[in-house]
C-alpha cells in the first residue's frame, strides 16, 4: 500500500508542477491546480511514510521520479529542451535511487 500512496504523491506533484509551468505563462487559473497538486502530493508522502516506507527511500523515489517525469512532460507540453546529457542525468538519478531502494533494510513502523 505504501507504494500506491507514493505513486499518488509523485503523480500529483508532477501535475502540480506542470500546472505551475502553465500558470507562469499567464494562465492564472492553473494556480488552483498547483495548490491542489502539492497538497495531495504531501498527503500522499505522509501516507507513504505511515504505511512503513523509510523516509530516505520514499523521498528519493518521489524526488527522482518527479524530476524525470517533469522533464519529459515539459518537453512535450512546453517545448523545453531534453538533451542527451539531460537524459543521461535522469538515468543517473534513477540508478542512484534504485541503489538506495535496494540497499535499504525492510521494516514496518508500528502505529
C-alpha atoms as a PDB file:
ATOM      1  CA  UNK A   1       0.000   0.000   0.000  1.00  0.00           C
ATOM      2  CA  UNK A   2       2.942   2.319   0.673  1.00  0.00           C
ATOM      3  CA  UNK A   3       3.933   2.294  -2.988  1.00  0.00           C
ATOM      4  CA  UNK A   4       0.379   3.119  -4.082  1.00  0.00           C
ATOM      5  CA  UNK A   5       0.462   6.201  -1.851  1.00  0.00           C
ATOM      6  CA  UNK A   6       3.899   7.042  -3.239  1.00  0.00           C
ATOM      7  CA  UNK A   7       2.593   6.882  -6.817  1.00  0.00           C
ATOM      8  CA  UNK A   8      -0.229   9.236  -5.788  1.00  0.00           C
ATOM      9  CA  UNK A   9       2.343  11.620  -4.292  1.00  0.00           C
ATOM     10  CA  UNK A  10       4.520  11.518  -7.409  1.00  0.00           C
ATOM     11  CA  UNK A  11       1.717  11.971  -9.931  1.00  0.00           C
ATOM     12  CA  UNK A  12       0.085  14.813  -8.015  1.00  0.00           C
ATOM     13  CA  UNK A  13       3.436  16.579  -7.527  1.00  0.00           C
ATOM     14  CA  UNK A  14       4.226  16.338 -11.240  1.00  0.00           C
ATOM     15  CA  UNK A  15       0.754  17.599 -12.170  1.00  0.00           C
ATOM     16  CA  UNK A  16       1.098  20.464  -9.695  1.00  0.00           C
ATOM     17  CA  UNK A  17       4.488  21.388 -11.118  1.00  0.00           C
ATOM     18  CA  UNK A  18       3.207  21.249 -14.691  1.00  0.00           C
ATOM     19  CA  UNK A  19       0.285  23.439 -13.637  1.00  0.00           C
ATOM     20  CA  UNK A  20       2.844  25.862 -12.224  1.00  0.00           C
ATOM     21  CA  UNK A  21       4.518  25.976 -15.620  1.00  0.00           C
ATOM     22  CA  UNK A  22       1.186  26.733 -17.271  1.00  0.00           C
ATOM     23  CA  UNK A  23       0.313  29.362 -14.658  1.00  0.00           C
ATOM     24  CA  UNK A  24       3.661  31.081 -15.188  1.00  0.00           C
ATOM     25  CA  UNK A  25       2.791  31.605 -18.850  1.00  0.00           C
ATOM     26  CA  UNK A  26      -0.216  33.709 -17.886  1.00  0.00           C
ATOM     27  CA  UNK A  27      -2.908  31.106 -17.323  1.00  0.00           C
ATOM     28  CA  UNK A  28      -3.685  32.126 -13.743  1.00  0.00           C
ATOM     29  CA  UNK A  29      -6.448  29.543 -13.237  1.00  0.00           C
ATOM     30  CA  UNK A  30      -3.735  26.865 -13.139  1.00  0.00           C
ATOM     31  CA  UNK A  31      -2.626  28.124  -9.715  1.00  0.00           C
ATOM     32  CA  UNK A  32      -5.543  26.145  -8.289  1.00  0.00           C
ATOM     33  CA  UNK A  33      -4.015  23.004  -9.811  1.00  0.00           C
ATOM     34  CA  UNK A  34      -0.661  23.925  -8.287  1.00  0.00           C
ATOM     35  CA  UNK A  35      -2.130  24.174  -4.802  1.00  0.00           C
ATOM     36  CA  UNK A  36      -4.215  21.006  -5.096  1.00  0.00           C
ATOM     37  CA  UNK A  37      -1.344  19.060  -6.650  1.00  0.00           C
ATOM     38  CA  UNK A  38       1.144  19.984  -3.952  1.00  0.00           C
ATOM     39  CA  UNK A  39      -1.278  19.406  -1.050  1.00  0.00           C
ATOM     40  CA  UNK A  40      -2.252  15.970  -2.396  1.00  0.00           C
ATOM     41  CA  UNK A  41       1.404  15.193  -3.038  1.00  0.00           C
ATOM     42  CA  UNK A  42       2.465  15.906   0.523  1.00  0.00           C
ATOM     43  CA  UNK A  43      -0.515  13.982   1.900  1.00  0.00           C
ATOM     44  CA  UNK A  44       0.483  11.042  -0.295  1.00  0.00           C
ATOM     45  CA  UNK A  45       4.017  11.262   1.032  1.00  0.00           C
ATOM     46  CA  UNK A  46       2.756  11.316   4.634  1.00  0.00           C
ATOM     47  CA  UNK A  47       0.555   8.280   3.969  1.00  0.00           C
ATOM     48  CA  UNK A  48       3.537   6.555   2.357  1.00  0.00           C
ATOM     49  CA  UNK A  49       5.598   7.047   5.491  1.00  0.00           C
ATOM     50  CA  UNK A  50       2.743   5.943   7.743  1.00  0.00           C
ATOM     51  CA  UNK A  51       2.439   2.776   5.651  1.00  0.00           C
ATOM     52  CA  UNK A  52       6.013   1.923   6.596  1.00  0.00           C
ATOM     53  CA  UNK A  53       8.295   3.035   3.771  1.00  0.00           C
ATOM     54  CA  UNK A  54      11.528   4.590   5.054  1.00  0.00           C
ATOM     55  CA  UNK A  55      11.819   8.351   4.623  1.00  0.00           C
ATOM     56  CA  UNK A  56      15.091   8.222   2.673  1.00  0.00           C
ATOM     57  CA  UNK A  57      13.714   5.691   0.235  1.00  0.00           C
ATOM     58  CA  UNK A  58      10.317   7.383  -0.162  1.00  0.00           C
ATOM     59  CA  UNK A  59      11.769  10.842  -0.623  1.00  0.00           C
ATOM     60  CA  UNK A  60      14.427   9.613  -3.020  1.00  0.00           C
ATOM     61  CA  UNK A  61      11.903   7.881  -5.256  1.00  0.00           C
ATOM     62  CA  UNK A  62       9.472  10.815  -5.012  1.00  0.00           C
ATOM     63  CA  UNK A  63      12.068  13.420  -5.896  1.00  0.00           C
ATOM     64  CA  UNK A  64      13.750  11.424  -8.658  1.00  0.00           C
ATOM     65  CA  UNK A  65      10.520  10.387 -10.320  1.00  0.00           C
ATOM     66  CA  UNK A  66       9.265  13.956 -10.065  1.00  0.00           C
ATOM     67  CA  UNK A  67      12.367  15.347 -11.757  1.00  0.00           C
ATOM     68  CA  UNK A  68      12.349  12.745 -14.517  1.00  0.00           C
ATOM     69  CA  UNK A  69       8.629  12.896 -15.275  1.00  0.00           C
ATOM     70  CA  UNK A  70       8.539  16.695 -15.150  1.00  0.00           C
ATOM     71  CA  UNK A  71      11.490  16.984 -17.530  1.00  0.00           C
ATOM     72  CA  UNK A  72       9.920  14.581 -20.032  1.00  0.00           C
ATOM     73  CA  UNK A  73       6.434  16.099 -19.777  1.00  0.00           C
ATOM     74  CA  UNK A  74       7.836  19.630 -20.094  1.00  0.00           C
ATOM     75  CA  UNK A  75       9.465  18.614 -23.343  1.00  0.00           C
ATOM     76  CA  UNK A  76       6.083  17.798 -24.842  1.00  0.00           C
ATOM     77  CA  UNK A  77       3.869  20.363 -23.104  1.00  0.00           C
ATOM     78  CA  UNK A  78       6.165  23.404 -23.098  1.00  0.00           C
ATOM     79  CA  UNK A  79       8.676  22.501 -25.847  1.00  0.00           C
ATOM     80  CA  UNK A  80      11.524  22.652 -23.338  1.00  0.00           C
ATOM     81  CA  UNK A  81      14.820  21.031 -24.300  1.00  0.00           C
ATOM     82  CA  UNK A  82      15.577  17.435 -23.371  1.00  0.00           C
ATOM     83  CA  UNK A  83      19.141  16.809 -24.458  1.00  0.00           C
ATOM     84  CA  UNK A  84      21.161  13.616 -24.356  1.00  0.00           C
ATOM     85  CA  UNK A  85      23.068  14.988 -21.381  1.00  0.00           C
ATOM     86  CA  UNK A  86      19.801  15.650 -19.549  1.00  0.00           C
ATOM     87  CA  UNK A  87      18.584  12.134 -20.326  1.00  0.00           C
ATOM     88  CA  UNK A  88      21.896  10.760 -19.016  1.00  0.00           C
ATOM     89  CA  UNK A  89      21.343  12.763 -15.836  1.00  0.00           C
ATOM     90  CA  UNK A  90      17.874  11.289 -15.437  1.00  0.00           C
ATOM     91  CA  UNK A  91      19.322   7.801 -15.887  1.00  0.00           C
ATOM     92  CA  UNK A  92      21.928   8.537 -13.190  1.00  0.00           C
ATOM     93  CA  UNK A  93      19.201   9.756 -10.836  1.00  0.00           C
ATOM     94  CA  UNK A  94      17.186   6.583 -11.420  1.00  0.00           C
ATOM     95  CA  UNK A  95      20.244   4.389 -10.841  1.00  0.00           C
ATOM     96  CA  UNK A  96      21.043   6.260  -7.629  1.00  0.00           C
ATOM     97  CA  UNK A  97      17.510   5.891  -6.287  1.00  0.00           C
ATOM     98  CA  UNK A  98      17.499   2.202  -7.181  1.00  0.00           C
ATOM     99  CA  UNK A  99      20.749   1.785  -5.250  1.00  0.00           C
ATOM    100  CA  UNK A 100      19.152   3.436  -2.217  1.00  0.00           C
ATOM    101  CA  UNK A 101      15.986   1.351  -2.570  1.00  0.00           C
ATOM    102  CA  UNK A 102      17.812  -1.948  -2.968  1.00  0.00           C
ATOM    103  CA  UNK A 103      20.188  -1.149  -0.127  1.00  0.00           C
ATOM    104  CA  UNK A 104      17.515  -0.116   2.363  1.00  0.00           C
ATOM    105  CA  UNK A 105      16.543  -2.558   5.108  1.00  0.00           C
ATOM    106  CA  UNK A 106      12.908  -3.628   5.143  1.00  0.00           C
ATOM    107  CA  UNK A 107      10.900  -2.675   8.190  1.00  0.00           C
ATOM    108  CA  UNK A 108       7.360  -1.725   9.128  1.00  0.00           C
ATOM    109  CA  UNK A 109       6.730   1.096  11.554  1.00  0.00           C
ATOM    110  CA  UNK A 110       4.438   0.418  14.431  1.00  0.00           C
ATOM    111  CA  UNK A 111       1.450   2.790  14.662  1.00  0.00           C
END
